[in-house]
């Protein structure tokens, strides 16, 4: 796909007799056309695309709106529509955000929003298997990939495990590496839940997305030698992440016992 003065590659045409709505057909044609383009490449205007595909501008607008909602394209007011960067696969394994980004050749970073020491309370105390009046460190950060906001993390760590954790540089250092190098704590297992949610006003502002945008909510308890070390709640941008997992059939042929459908 080229800029407005050019044309999109020939990747099919709209079938007026198809039961598939025209805007859905145009969405598919545009998606096929941009598959060969680099991120941030410009997309032709609604007028140009309408002429090319032989449909009304409103039809093109509906197709583009779908692709923007899906995170395939993004708009810049006054400039136009552009190809969005590809989504990051959310790893289904125990790894830190920093390690995952580094493995992809992306510079990981963080902006600390809040860090404090407080009492655990009943709920978090139960998750971390400590008394409700035990001290914990609470760290809330916006996680960055090449300076782009990707997620909001709120981490809870028992203060007894890492007394001076808040004195460490948690904007430029991995929390997991800090726990290992500074406090001798190696995280080796965890249990995580994932669900789809929408962003509130505060989250949307921090991540630079419209209010109500789709997000992935992750809750994880990470352990070391069977002992809970970290409880973290993360909210990832739905337009920049996808979840992919390998599936197999249980040896006994039964259904997985940990799946929950609502």
Protein backbone atom coordinates (compact mmCIF):
# COMPACT_ATOMS: atom_id res chain seq x y z
CA UNK A 1 0.00 0.00 0.00
CA UNK A 2 1.37 3.40 -0.87
CA UNK A 3 0.57 6.92 0.22
CA UNK A 4 -2.40 8.81 -1.22
CA UNK A 5 -0.73 9.54 -4.53
CA UNK A 6 -0.12 5.81 -5.05
CA UNK A 7 -2.27 2.73 -5.13
CA UNK A 8 -2.64 -0.35 -3.01
CA UNK A 9 -1.37 -3.60 -4.51
CA UNK A 10 -3.96 -5.58 -6.45
CA UNK A 11 -5.27 -8.01 -3.84
CA UNK A 12 -8.79 -8.76 -5.09
CA UNK A 13 -11.98 -6.80 -5.41
CA UNK A 14 -15.36 -6.39 -3.76
CA UNK A 15 -18.02 -8.91 -4.83
CA UNK A 16 -21.41 -7.12 -4.92
CA UNK A 17 -23.24 -10.48 -4.89
CA UNK A 18 -21.46 -11.87 -1.83
CA UNK A 19 -23.44 -12.35 1.41
CA UNK A 20 -20.43 -10.86 3.22
CA UNK A 21 -21.05 -7.13 3.89
CA UNK A 22 -19.04 -4.82 1.67
CA UNK A 23 -17.23 -3.16 4.57
CA UNK A 24 -16.09 -6.60 5.80
CA UNK A 25 -14.81 -7.44 2.31
CA UNK A 26 -12.93 -4.14 2.14
CA UNK A 27 -11.46 -4.81 5.59
CA UNK A 28 -10.09 -8.11 4.32
CA UNK A 29 -8.69 -6.53 1.17
CA UNK A 30 -6.94 -3.76 3.10
CA UNK A 31 -5.60 -6.24 5.66
CA UNK A 32 -4.17 -8.35 2.83
CA UNK A 33 -2.65 -5.28 1.19
CA UNK A 34 -0.89 -3.99 4.31
CA UNK A 35 0.59 -7.39 5.19
CA UNK A 36 3.71 -6.59 3.14
CA UNK A 37 4.20 -3.11 4.60
CA UNK A 38 6.42 -1.90 7.41
CA UNK A 39 4.96 -0.45 10.63
CA UNK A 40 4.07 3.25 10.38
CA UNK A 41 3.63 3.07 6.59
CA UNK A 42 0.84 5.45 5.45
CA UNK A 43 -2.50 4.14 4.24
CA UNK A 44 -4.31 5.89 1.34
CA UNK A 45 -7.24 8.15 2.14
CA UNK A 46 -10.87 7.01 2.26
CA UNK A 47 -11.46 8.68 -1.10
CA UNK A 48 -8.59 6.87 -2.81
CA UNK A 49 -9.56 3.51 -1.32
CA UNK A 50 -13.20 4.06 -2.26
CA UNK A 51 -12.24 4.65 -5.89
CA UNK A 52 -9.87 1.71 -5.92
CA UNK A 53 -12.37 -0.78 -4.50
CA UNK A 54 -15.46 0.75 -6.12
CA UNK A 55 -17.31 1.41 -2.87
CA UNK A 56 -18.62 4.43 -0.97
CA UNK A 57 -16.37 6.34 1.42
CA UNK A 58 -18.65 5.34 4.31
CA UNK A 59 -17.96 1.69 3.49
CA UNK A 60 -14.21 2.34 3.52
CA UNK A 61 -14.54 4.23 6.80
CA UNK A 62 -16.31 1.27 8.41
CA UNK A 63 -13.54 -1.05 7.23
CA UNK A 64 -10.81 1.26 8.53
CA UNK A 65 -12.62 1.66 11.86
CA UNK A 66 -12.61 -2.11 12.28
CA UNK A 67 -8.88 -2.32 11.55
CA UNK A 68 -8.13 0.50 13.98
CA UNK A 69 -10.19 -1.21 16.69
CA UNK A 70 -8.32 -4.45 16.03
CA UNK A 71 -4.98 -2.68 16.42
CA UNK A 72 -3.97 -3.28 12.78
CA UNK A 73 -3.99 0.44 11.92
CA UNK A 74 -3.77 3.67 13.87
CA UNK A 75 -4.83 7.23 13.15
CA UNK A 76 -2.97 10.49 13.69
CA UNK A 77 -5.30 13.52 13.63
CA UNK A 78 -4.45 15.82 10.75
CA UNK A 79 -2.01 13.33 9.20
CA UNK A 80 -3.92 10.20 8.28
CA UNK A 81 -4.01 6.46 8.91
CA UNK A 82 -0.93 4.27 9.31
CA UNK A 83 0.04 0.62 9.67
CA UNK A 84 0.31 -0.33 13.34
CA UNK A 85 3.28 -2.26 14.73
CA UNK A 86 2.70 -6.00 15.07
CA UNK A 87 1.32 -7.31 18.33
CA UNK A 88 3.66 -8.75 20.93
CA UNK A 89 2.96 -12.35 21.88
CA UNK A 90 2.35 -12.63 25.59
CA UNK A 91 4.54 -15.52 26.77
CA UNK A 92 2.80 -18.39 28.57
CA UNK A 93 5.81 -19.04 30.77
CA UNK A 94 7.52 -17.48 33.76
CA UNK A 95 9.57 -14.56 32.51
CA UNK A 96 10.01 -10.91 33.36
CA UNK A 97 8.79 -8.10 31.12
CA UNK A 98 12.40 -6.96 30.69
CA UNK A 99 13.67 -10.39 29.65
CA UNK A 100 10.79 -10.86 27.23
CA UNK A 101 11.36 -7.49 25.55
CA UNK A 102 15.13 -8.00 25.37
CA UNK A 103 14.58 -11.35 23.67
CA UNK A 104 12.59 -9.52 20.98
CA UNK A 105 15.26 -6.89 20.44
CA UNK A 106 13.12 -4.23 22.10
CA UNK A 107 14.39 -1.84 24.77
CA UNK A 108 12.43 -2.40 27.97
CA UNK A 109 11.84 0.37 30.47
CA UNK A 110 9.54 1.50 33.24
CA UNK A 111 8.11 4.62 34.80
CA UNK A 112 7.46 4.28 38.53
CA UNK A 113 4.07 5.71 39.48
CA UNK A 114 4.14 4.75 43.14
CA UNK A 115 6.24 2.76 45.57
CA UNK A 116 5.59 2.39 49.27
CA UNK A 117 5.72 -0.01 52.19
CA UNK A 118 2.44 -0.88 53.87
CA UNK A 119 0.69 -3.76 55.60
CA UNK A 120 -0.49 -6.67 53.48
CA UNK A 121 -4.11 -6.82 54.54
CA UNK A 122 -6.23 -9.95 54.55
CA UNK A 123 -6.52 -10.62 50.79
CA UNK A 124 -2.90 -10.04 49.75
CA UNK A 125 -1.63 -11.60 52.96
CA UNK A 126 -3.48 -14.79 52.06
CA UNK A 127 -2.05 -14.79 48.51
CA UNK A 128 1.50 -14.29 49.78
CA UNK A 129 0.96 -16.61 52.77
CA UNK A 130 1.97 -13.98 55.31
CA UNK A 131 0.09 -12.39 58.24
CA UNK A 132 -2.29 -9.58 57.33
CA UNK A 133 -0.26 -7.14 59.45
CA UNK A 134 3.07 -8.09 57.80
CA UNK A 135 4.78 -5.39 55.75
CA UNK A 136 4.86 -5.55 51.95
CA UNK A 137 6.41 -3.37 49.27
CA UNK A 138 3.94 -2.08 46.67
CA UNK A 139 5.36 -0.92 43.34
CA UNK A 140 3.20 0.42 40.52
CA UNK A 141 4.89 1.00 37.15
CA UNK A 142 4.04 1.74 33.54
CA UNK A 143 6.04 -0.75 31.46
CA UNK A 144 7.59 0.61 28.28
CA UNK A 145 8.83 -0.98 25.06
CA UNK A 146 11.07 1.41 23.10
CA UNK A 147 9.49 4.18 25.23
CA UNK A 148 5.93 3.17 24.20
CA UNK A 149 3.55 2.44 27.12
CA UNK A 150 2.56 -1.23 26.98
CA UNK A 151 1.25 -2.20 30.40
CA UNK A 152 0.54 -1.10 33.96
CA UNK A 153 1.95 -3.35 36.69
CA UNK A 154 1.14 -3.30 40.39
CA UNK A 155 3.53 -5.58 42.29
CA UNK A 156 3.40 -6.74 45.92
CA UNK A 157 6.48 -8.28 47.57
CA UNK A 158 6.89 -9.25 51.26
CA UNK A 159 9.22 -6.70 52.85
CA UNK A 160 10.94 -9.41 54.90
CA UNK A 161 12.22 -11.02 51.69
CA UNK A 162 13.71 -7.85 50.20
CA UNK A 163 13.98 -5.18 52.92
CA UNK A 164 15.68 -2.49 50.80
CA UNK A 165 13.86 -3.21 47.52
CA UNK A 166 12.46 0.31 47.18
CA UNK A 167 16.00 1.74 47.25
CA UNK A 168 16.81 -0.13 44.02
CA UNK A 169 16.46 1.37 40.54
CA UNK A 170 13.24 -0.27 39.39
CA UNK A 171 12.87 2.01 36.39
CA UNK A 172 16.00 0.69 34.68
CA UNK A 173 16.42 -2.74 36.26
CA UNK A 174 14.33 -5.89 36.05
CA UNK A 175 12.53 -6.67 39.30
CA UNK A 176 13.30 -10.37 38.93
CA UNK A 177 17.00 -9.71 38.32
CA UNK A 178 17.06 -7.32 41.28
CA UNK A 179 15.51 -9.92 43.58
CA UNK A 180 18.08 -12.49 42.46
CA UNK A 181 21.18 -10.29 42.42
CA UNK A 182 20.49 -8.13 45.47
CA UNK A 183 18.53 -10.47 47.73
CA UNK A 184 19.38 -13.98 46.51
CA UNK A 185 15.77 -14.80 45.62
CA UNK A 186 15.32 -16.87 42.44
CA UNK A 187 11.75 -17.12 41.15
CA UNK A 188 11.09 -20.55 39.68
CA UNK A 189 7.33 -21.06 39.32
CA UNK A 190 4.02 -19.25 39.28
CA UNK A 191 0.29 -19.42 38.71
CA UNK A 192 -1.44 -16.91 36.47
CA UNK A 193 -4.98 -16.00 35.43
CA UNK A 194 -5.82 -13.98 32.32
CA UNK A 195 -9.06 -12.24 31.39
CA UNK A 196 -10.30 -9.59 28.99
CA UNK A 197 -11.30 -6.20 30.43
CA UNK A 198 -11.72 -2.64 29.20
CA UNK A 199 -9.63 0.35 30.27
CA UNK A 200 -10.89 2.96 32.67
CA UNK A 201 -10.15 6.66 32.30
CA UNK A 202 -6.95 6.62 34.39
CA UNK A 203 -5.56 3.50 32.71
CA UNK A 204 -6.37 4.84 29.26
CA UNK A 205 -4.52 8.08 29.97
CA UNK A 206 -1.43 6.26 31.27
CA UNK A 207 -1.29 3.95 28.25
CA UNK A 208 -2.25 6.54 25.64
CA UNK A 209 -5.36 4.69 24.41
CA UNK A 210 -9.06 5.66 24.23
CA UNK A 211 -11.16 5.02 27.32
CA UNK A 212 -12.87 1.64 27.09
CA UNK A 213 -10.10 0.12 24.96
CA UNK A 214 -9.66 -3.67 25.31
CA UNK A 215 -7.01 -4.86 27.75
CA UNK A 216 -5.64 -8.14 29.07
CA UNK A 217 -5.77 -8.39 32.86
CA UNK A 218 -3.16 -10.74 34.32
CA UNK A 219 -2.94 -11.78 37.97
CA UNK A 220 0.05 -13.86 39.00
CA UNK A 221 1.53 -15.29 42.17
CA UNK A 222 5.20 -16.15 41.67
CA UNK A 223 7.07 -18.49 43.97
CA UNK A 224 10.59 -19.53 44.92
CA UNK A 225 10.95 -23.06 46.23
CA UNK A 226 7.20 -23.19 46.76
CA UNK A 227 7.14 -19.97 48.81
CA UNK A 228 5.12 -17.01 47.42
CA UNK A 229 7.41 -14.09 46.63
CA UNK A 230 5.35 -11.81 44.42
CA UNK A 231 1.72 -11.02 43.69
CA UNK A 232 1.34 -8.86 40.59
CA UNK A 233 -1.64 -7.43 38.74
CA UNK A 234 -0.85 -6.33 35.18
CA UNK A 235 -3.02 -4.63 32.58
CA UNK A 236 -1.71 -5.00 29.03
CA UNK A 237 -2.88 -3.05 25.99
CA UNK A 238 -5.15 -5.25 23.92
CA UNK A 239 -4.09 -3.54 20.70
CA UNK A 240 -0.43 -4.44 21.25
CA UNK A 241 -0.60 -7.94 22.73
CA UNK A 242 -1.88 -11.33 21.73
CA UNK A 243 -1.96 -14.56 23.73
CA UNK A 244 -0.75 -17.70 21.99
CA UNK A 245 -0.35 -21.13 23.57
CA UNK A 246 0.45 -24.66 22.47
CA UNK A 247 -2.35 -27.14 23.12
CA UNK A 248 -2.34 -30.88 23.62
CA UNK A 249 -4.75 -33.59 24.71
CA UNK A 250 -4.41 -34.76 28.34
CA UNK A 251 -3.01 -38.28 28.65
CA UNK A 252 -6.25 -39.51 30.24
CA UNK A 253 -8.32 -37.93 27.47
CA UNK A 254 -10.18 -35.76 29.95
CA UNK A 255 -10.84 -32.05 29.77
CA UNK A 256 -8.47 -29.61 31.50
CA UNK A 257 -9.57 -29.05 35.08
CA UNK A 258 -8.38 -25.46 35.41
CA UNK A 259 -10.42 -23.96 32.59
CA UNK A 260 -13.19 -21.66 33.73
CA UNK A 261 -15.86 -20.25 31.44
CA UNK A 262 -18.27 -17.49 32.44
